[in-house]
C-alpha atoms as a PDB file:
ATOM      1  CA  MET A   1       0.000   0.000   0.000  1.00  0.00           C
ATOM      2  CA  GLY A   2       1.449   3.388  -1.021  1.00  0.00           C
ATOM      3  CA  ARG A   3       1.863   6.318   1.293  1.00  0.00           C
ATOM      4  CA  PRO A   4      -1.085   8.728   1.412  1.00  0.00           C
ATOM      5  CA  ILE A   5      -0.820  11.950  -0.588  1.00  0.00           C
ATOM      6  CA  ARG A   6      -0.066  14.938   1.614  1.00  0.00           C
ATOM      7  CA  ARG A   7      -3.046  17.257   1.392  1.00  0.00           C
ATOM      8  CA  TYR A   8      -2.634  21.011   1.232  1.00  0.00           C
ATOM      9  CA  ASN A   9      -4.930  23.790   0.126  1.00  0.00           C
ATOM     10  CA  PRO A  10      -4.174  25.451  -3.210  1.00  0.00           C
ATOM     11  CA  HIS A  11      -1.802  28.430  -2.939  1.00  0.00           C
ATOM     12  CA  THR A  12      -0.090  26.986   0.132  1.00  0.00           C
ATOM     13  CA  LEU A  13       3.549  27.949   0.636  1.00  0.00           C
ATOM     14  CA  LEU A  14       5.761  25.010   1.554  1.00  0.00           C
ATOM     15  CA  HIS A  15       9.344  24.604   2.674  1.00  0.00           C
ATOM     16  CA  ILE A  16      10.613  21.168   1.590  1.00  0.00           C
ATOM     17  CA  CYS A  17      13.870  19.507   2.597  1.00  0.00           C
ATOM     18  CA  ASN A  18      15.570  16.145   2.309  1.00  0.00           C
ATOM     19  CA  ARG A  19      18.974  14.753   3.286  1.00  0.00           C
ATOM     20  CA  GLY A  20      21.213  11.999   2.070  1.00  0.00           C
ATOM     21  CA  SER A  21      21.004   8.645   3.812  1.00  0.00           C
ATOM     22  CA  ARG A  22      23.096   8.736   7.002  1.00  0.00           C
ATOM     23  CA  GLN A  23      23.703  12.398   6.064  1.00  0.00           C
ATOM     24  CA  GLU A  24      26.151  11.280   3.365  1.00  0.00           C
ATOM     25  CA  GLU A  25      26.925  13.456   0.339  1.00  0.00           C
ATOM     26  CA  ILE A  26      24.465  13.386  -2.519  1.00  0.00           C
ATOM     27  CA  PHE A  27      26.347  16.012  -4.534  1.00  0.00           C
ATOM     28  CA  SER A  28      30.087  15.462  -4.688  1.00  0.00           C
ATOM     29  CA  ASP A  29      31.093  17.589  -7.689  1.00  0.00           C
ATOM     30  CA  PRO A  30      29.663  20.237 -10.049  1.00  0.00           C
ATOM     31  CA  TYR A  31      28.236  17.578 -12.361  1.00  0.00           C
ATOM     32  CA  ASP A  32      26.098  16.146  -9.530  1.00  0.00           C
ATOM     33  CA  PHE A  33      24.785  19.609  -8.637  1.00  0.00           C
ATOM     34  CA  ASN A  34      24.124  20.646 -12.229  1.00  0.00           C
ATOM     35  CA  HIS A  35      22.475  17.356 -13.118  1.00  0.00           C
ATOM     36  CA  CYS A  36      20.161  17.649 -10.099  1.00  0.00           C
ATOM     37  CA  GLU A  37      19.182  21.154 -11.196  1.00  0.00           C
ATOM     38  CA  ASN A  38      18.326  19.785 -14.648  1.00  0.00           C
ATOM     39  CA  ILE A  39      16.099  17.116 -13.104  1.00  0.00           C
ATOM     40  CA  LEU A  40      14.410  19.644 -10.810  1.00  0.00           C
ATOM     41  CA  HIS A  41      13.887  21.982 -13.774  1.00  0.00           C
ATOM     42  CA  HIS A  42      12.101  19.240 -15.693  1.00  0.00           C
ATOM     43  CA  ALA A  43       9.975  18.167 -12.718  1.00  0.00           C
ATOM     44  CA  ILE A  44       8.848  21.719 -11.931  1.00  0.00           C
ATOM     45  CA  SER A  45       8.062  22.506 -15.562  1.00  0.00           C
ATOM     46  CA  GLN A  46       5.791  19.449 -15.800  1.00  0.00           C
ATOM     47  CA  HIS A  47       3.615  20.234 -12.779  1.00  0.00           C
ATOM     48  CA  SER A  48       1.529  22.971 -11.180  1.00  0.00           C
ATOM     49  CA  VAL A  49       4.110  23.856  -8.564  1.00  0.00           C
ATOM     50  CA  SER A  50       5.927  27.203  -8.475  1.00  0.00           C
ATOM     51  CA  LEU A  51       9.549  27.248  -7.334  1.00  0.00           C
ATOM     52  CA  LEU A  52      10.273  30.432  -5.374  1.00  0.00           C
ATOM     53  CA  CYS A  53      13.751  29.771  -4.033  1.00  0.00           C
ATOM     54  CA  TYR A  54      16.079  26.833  -3.437  1.00  0.00           C
ATOM     55  CA  CYS A  55      19.519  25.757  -2.327  1.00  0.00           C
ATOM     56  CA  LEU A  56      21.354  22.510  -3.069  1.00  0.00           C
ATOM     57  CA  MET A  57      23.910  21.550  -0.414  1.00  0.00           C
ATOM     58  CA  PRO A  58      26.429  18.692  -0.476  1.00  0.00           C
ATOM     59  CA  ASN A  59      24.252  16.374   1.622  1.00  0.00           C
ATOM     60  CA  HIS A  60      20.795  17.948   1.464  1.00  0.00           C
ATOM     61  CA  TRP A  61      18.596  20.475  -0.330  1.00  0.00           C
ATOM     62  CA  HIS A  62      15.901  23.042   0.416  1.00  0.00           C
ATOM     63  CA  LEU A  63      12.998  24.161  -1.768  1.00  0.00           C
ATOM     64  CA  LEU A  64      10.424  26.881  -1.129  1.00  0.00           C
ATOM     65  CA  VAL A  65       7.405  26.322  -3.350  1.00  0.00           C
ATOM     66  CA  LEU A  66       3.861  27.512  -3.951  1.00  0.00           C
ATOM     67  CA  ILE A  67       1.352  24.715  -4.544  1.00  0.00           C
ATOM     68  CA  LYS A  68      -1.318  25.148  -7.184  1.00  0.00           C
ATOM     69  CA  GLU A  69      -2.754  21.614  -7.105  1.00  0.00           C
ATOM     70  CA  THR A  70      -2.126  19.171  -4.211  1.00  0.00           C
ATOM     71  CA  PRO A  71      -1.697  15.992  -6.296  1.00  0.00           C
ATOM     72  CA  ASP A  72       0.863  17.775  -8.464  1.00  0.00           C
ATOM     73  CA  LEU A  73       3.158  18.329  -5.476  1.00  0.00           C
ATOM     74  CA  SER A  74       3.445  14.590  -4.815  1.00  0.00           C
ATOM     75  CA  LYS A  75       3.869  13.860  -8.514  1.00  0.00           C
ATOM     76  CA  MET A  76       6.535  16.544  -8.886  1.00  0.00           C
ATOM     77  CA  MET A  77       8.461  15.385  -5.829  1.00  0.00           C
ATOM     78  CA  LYS A  78       8.322  11.756  -6.938  1.00  0.00           C
ATOM     79  CA  MET A  79       9.616  12.673 -10.390  1.00  0.00           C
ATOM     80  CA  PHE A  80      12.376  14.843  -8.922  1.00  0.00           C
ATOM     81  CA  THR A  81      13.663  12.620  -6.131  1.00  0.00           C
ATOM     82  CA  SER A  82      13.270   9.225  -7.813  1.00  0.00           C
ATOM     83  CA  ASN A  83      14.993  10.373 -11.015  1.00  0.00           C
ATOM     84  CA  GLN A  84      17.754  12.146  -9.114  1.00  0.00           C
ATOM     85  CA  ALA A  85      18.393   9.144  -6.850  1.00  0.00           C
ATOM     86  CA  ARG A  86      18.331   6.638  -9.687  1.00  0.00           C
ATOM     87  CA  GLN A  87      20.732   8.618 -11.861  1.00  0.00           C
ATOM     88  CA  TRP A  88      23.015   9.335  -8.899  1.00  0.00           C
ATOM     89  CA  ARG A  89      23.254   5.590  -8.167  1.00  0.00           C
ATOM     90  CA  TRP A  90      23.995   4.874 -11.812  1.00  0.00           C
ATOM     91  CA  ARG A  91      26.713   7.539 -12.064  1.00  0.00           C
ATOM     92  CA  HIS A  92      28.414   6.518  -8.819  1.00  0.00           C
ATOM     93  CA  GLU A  93      28.090   2.811  -9.607  1.00  0.00           C
ATOM     94  CA  THR A  94      26.189   2.073  -6.406  1.00  0.00           C
ATOM     95  CA  VAL A  95      22.978   0.602  -7.847  1.00  0.00           C
ATOM     96  CA  GLY A  96      21.413  -1.763  -5.298  1.00  0.00           C
ATOM     97  CA  LYS A  97      23.304  -0.234  -2.358  1.00  0.00           C
ATOM     98  CA  GLY A  98      20.243   1.107  -0.548  1.00  0.00           C
ATOM     99  CA  ALA A  99      18.393   4.417  -0.395  1.00  0.00           C
ATOM    100  CA  VAL A 100      20.018   7.664  -1.488  1.00  0.00           C
ATOM    101  CA  TYR A 101      17.786   9.715   0.816  1.00  0.00           C
ATOM    102  CA  GLN A 102      17.426   9.191   4.559  1.00  0.00           C
ATOM    103  CA  ASN A 103      13.636   9.194   4.404  1.00  0.00           C
ATOM    104  CA  ARG A 104      10.658  10.687   2.673  1.00  0.00           C
ATOM    105  CA  TYR A 105      11.101  14.432   2.260  1.00  0.00           C
ATOM    106  CA  ARG A 106      10.085  16.699   5.140  1.00  0.00           C
ATOM    107  CA  SER A 107       7.876  19.737   4.639  1.00  0.00           C
ATOM    108  CA  HIS A 108       5.971  22.408   6.512  1.00  0.00           C
ATOM    109  CA  GLU A 109       3.666  25.256   5.606  1.00  0.00           C
ATOM    110  CA  VAL A 110       5.038  28.785   5.627  1.00  0.00           C
ATOM    111  CA  ALA A 111       3.027  31.812   6.661  1.00  0.00           C
ATOM    112  CA  ARG A 112       2.992  34.734   4.265  1.00  0.00           C
ATOM    113  CA  GLY A 113       4.599  37.995   5.239  1.00  0.00           C
ATOM    114  CA  ARG A 114       7.393  37.838   7.762  1.00  0.00           C
ATOM    115  CA  GLY A 115       7.329  34.040   7.876  1.00  0.00           C
ATOM    116  CA  PHE A 116       7.950  33.764   4.152  1.00  0.00           C
ATOM    117  CA  LEU A 117      10.848  36.222   4.255  1.00  0.00           C
ATOM    118  CA  LYS A 118      12.449  34.401   7.176  1.00  0.00           C
ATOM    119  CA  VAL A 119      12.330  31.012   5.448  1.00  0.00           C
ATOM    120  CA  ALA A 120      13.542  32.454   2.124  1.00  0.00           C
ATOM    121  CA  HIS A 121      16.389  34.184   3.988  1.00  0.00           C
ATOM    122  CA  TYR A 122      17.298  30.922   5.721  1.00  0.00           C
ATOM    123  CA  ILE A 123      17.291  28.930   2.470  1.00  0.00           C
ATOM    124  CA  GLU A 124      19.232  31.398   0.329  1.00  0.00           C
ATOM    125  CA  ARG A 125      21.852  31.834   3.088  1.00  0.00           C
ATOM    126  CA  ASN A 126      22.292  28.087   3.631  1.00  0.00           C
ATOM    127  CA  ALA A 127      25.600  27.593   1.814  1.00  0.00           C
ATOM    128  CA  PHE A 128      26.964  30.883   3.142  1.00  0.00           C
ATOM    129  CA  THR A 129      25.991  29.943   6.695  1.00  0.00           C
ATOM    130  CA  ALA A 130      27.837  26.636   6.246  1.00  0.00           C
ATOM    131  CA  GLY A 131      30.995  28.470   5.146  1.00  0.00           C
ATOM    132  CA  LEU A 132      30.917  27.079   1.599  1.00  0.00           C
ATOM    133  CA  CYS A 133      31.044  30.431  -0.199  1.00  0.00           C
ATOM    134  CA  PRO A 134      32.032  34.063   0.474  1.00  0.00           C
ATOM    135  CA  SER A 135      28.432  35.290   0.058  1.00  0.00           C
ATOM    136  CA  PRO A 136      25.034  33.785  -0.799  1.00  0.00           C
ATOM    137  CA  SER A 137      25.258  35.169  -4.336  1.00  0.00           C
ATOM    138  CA  HIS A 138      28.486  33.208  -4.926  1.00  0.00           C
ATOM    139  CA  TRP A 139      26.897  29.781  -4.409  1.00  0.00           C
ATOM    140  CA  PRO A 140      26.187  28.434  -7.933  1.00  0.00           C
ATOM    141  CA  TRP A 141      23.451  26.002  -6.889  1.00  0.00           C
ATOM    142  CA  GLY A 142      20.963  28.289  -5.225  1.00  0.00           C
ATOM    143  CA  SER A 143      18.441  30.933  -6.163  1.00  0.00           C
ATOM    144  CA  ALA A 144      20.557  33.727  -4.656  1.00  0.00           C
ATOM    145  CA  HIS A 145      23.069  33.288  -7.486  1.00  0.00           C
ATOM    146  CA  PRO A 146      22.384  35.850 -10.248  1.00  0.00           C
ATOM    147  CA  GLN A 147      23.035  33.212 -12.938  1.00  0.00           C
ATOM    148  CA  SER A 148      21.242  30.282 -11.336  1.00  0.00           C
ATOM    149  CA  GLN A 149      20.603  27.470 -13.780  1.00  0.00           C
ATOM    150  CA  LEU A 150      16.978  27.499 -12.619  1.00  0.00           C
ATOM    151  CA  LEU A 151      16.481  31.231 -13.094  1.00  0.00           C
ATOM    152  CA  SER A 152      14.080  30.648 -15.986  1.00  0.00           C
ATOM    153  CA  ILE A 153      11.627  28.676 -13.847  1.00  0.00           C
ATOM    154  CA  LEU A 154      11.841  30.681 -10.624  1.00  0.00           C
ATOM    155  CA  SER A 155       8.428  32.239 -10.039  1.00  0.00           C
ATOM    156  CA  PRO A 156       7.754  35.728  -8.685  1.00  0.00           C
ATOM    157  CA  TRP A 157       7.383  35.848  -4.936  1.00  0.00           C
ATOM    158  CA  PRO A 158       3.869  36.107  -3.478  1.00  0.00           C
ATOM    159  CA  GLN A 159       4.942  39.377  -1.889  1.00  0.00           C
ATOM    160  CA  GLU A 160       7.357  42.136  -2.741  1.00  0.00           C
ATOM    161  CA  LYS A 161      11.028  41.260  -2.350  1.00  0.00           C
ATOM    162  CA  PRO A 162      12.868  43.872  -0.254  1.00  0.00           C
ATOM    163  CA  GLU A 163      14.986  46.149  -2.441  1.00  0.00           C
ATOM    164  CA  ASN A 164      18.012  45.486  -0.216  1.00  0.00           C
ATOM    165  CA  TRP A 165      17.514  41.698  -0.246  1.00  0.00           C
ATOM    166  CA  LYS A 166      21.083  40.993  -1.382  1.00  0.00           C
ATOM    167  CA  ASN A 167      22.422  42.980   1.586  1.00  0.00           C
ATOM    168  CA  LEU A 168      19.908  41.374   3.946  1.00  0.00           C
ATOM    169  CA  LEU A 169      21.272  37.948   2.974  1.00  0.00           C
ATOM    170  CA  LEU A 170      24.633  38.980   4.389  1.00  0.00           C
ATOM    171  CA  ARG A 171      23.083  39.594   7.799  1.00  0.00           C
ATOM    172  CA  PRO A 172      22.908  36.596  10.128  1.00  0.00           C
ATOM    173  CA  PRO A 173      19.393  35.733  11.315  1.00  0.00           C
ATOM    174  CA  SER A 174      18.318  35.434  14.899  1.00  0.00           C
ATOM    175  CA  PRO A 175      20.068  32.456  16.546  1.00  0.00           C
ATOM    176  CA  HIS A 176      16.611  31.036  17.306  1.00  0.00           C
ATOM    177  CA  LEU A 177      15.463  30.966  13.691  1.00  0.00           C
ATOM    178  CA  ALA A 178      17.301  27.842  12.520  1.00  0.00           C
ATOM    179  CA  THR A 179      15.958  25.922  15.520  1.00  0.00           C
ATOM    180  CA  GLU A 180      12.389  27.033  14.815  1.00  0.00           C
ATOM    181  CA  ILE A 181      12.623  26.038  11.149  1.00  0.00           C
ATOM    182  CA  ALA A 182      14.198  22.677  12.015  1.00  0.00           C
ATOM    183  CA  THR A 183      11.386  22.059  14.501  1.00  0.00           C
ATOM    184  CA  ALA A 184       8.780  22.876  11.841  1.00  0.00           C
ATOM    185  CA  LEU A 185      10.444  20.448   9.407  1.00  0.00           C
ATOM    186  CA  ARG A 186      10.506  17.651  11.992  1.00  0.00           C
ATOM    187  CA  SER A 187       6.921  18.179  13.145  1.00  0.00           C
ATOM    188  CA  GLY A 188       5.360  19.198   9.839  1.00  0.00           C
ATOM    189  CA  LYS A 189       3.605  22.049  11.634  1.00  0.00           C
ATOM    190  CA  PRO A 190       3.337  25.478   9.954  1.00  0.00           C
ATOM    191  CA  PHE A 191       6.204  27.887  10.544  1.00  0.00           C
ATOM    192  CA  VAL A 192       5.225  31.216  12.050  1.00  0.00           C
ATOM    193  CA  PRO A 193       8.205  33.172  13.418  1.00  0.00           C
ATOM    194  CA  SER A 194       8.086  33.872  17.118  1.00  0.00           C
ATOM    195  CA  PRO A 195       8.924  37.348  18.489  1.00  0.00           C
ATOM    196  CA  ILE A 196      12.464  36.174  19.352  1.00  0.00           C
ATOM    197  CA  SER A 197      13.257  35.331  15.730  1.00  0.00           C
ATOM    198  CA  VAL A 198      12.000  38.420  13.921  1.00  0.00           C
ATOM    199  CA  SER A 199      15.122  40.567  14.008  1.00  0.00           C
END
């Protein structure tokens, strides 16, 4: 029996994340990253899901999406993750060696307004926060990069992007924010920033 489809109302904002099995690398070189972006591009373009921002990290990834039709989210994610995992196994000659991902992807709803900006800020800073690049705009495999391979399918935000967004990405968030977002991902409960994480 298959897993039930996750049900969300149309126009729901979702933060989606998944990690490699045992937190191992799923992207080990530029080819892995670029090939994953190609697969994500195809999956998004085939379904009623809008990609708002994203970041691919060596052992995990983050997506912030707007759902138009609930069944399309599950179909898009299945196309994306199954194709990426299968082709990764083939390239690394590890077919039959177990799951690429640690589990089914995690997700939580994101409140519009301040909540959306906080999650987008967290995602687009991810590589910078991890010390992998000198600034968010230098990470090639994220939506903060001005020449992102997925630029053509990134959808307009559901609210106005701050004019100084690039500078805001250089500012560290509240130390409580990452914990709150991680808790939302684990629980699946909507993320609404608390007063201690709004700075």
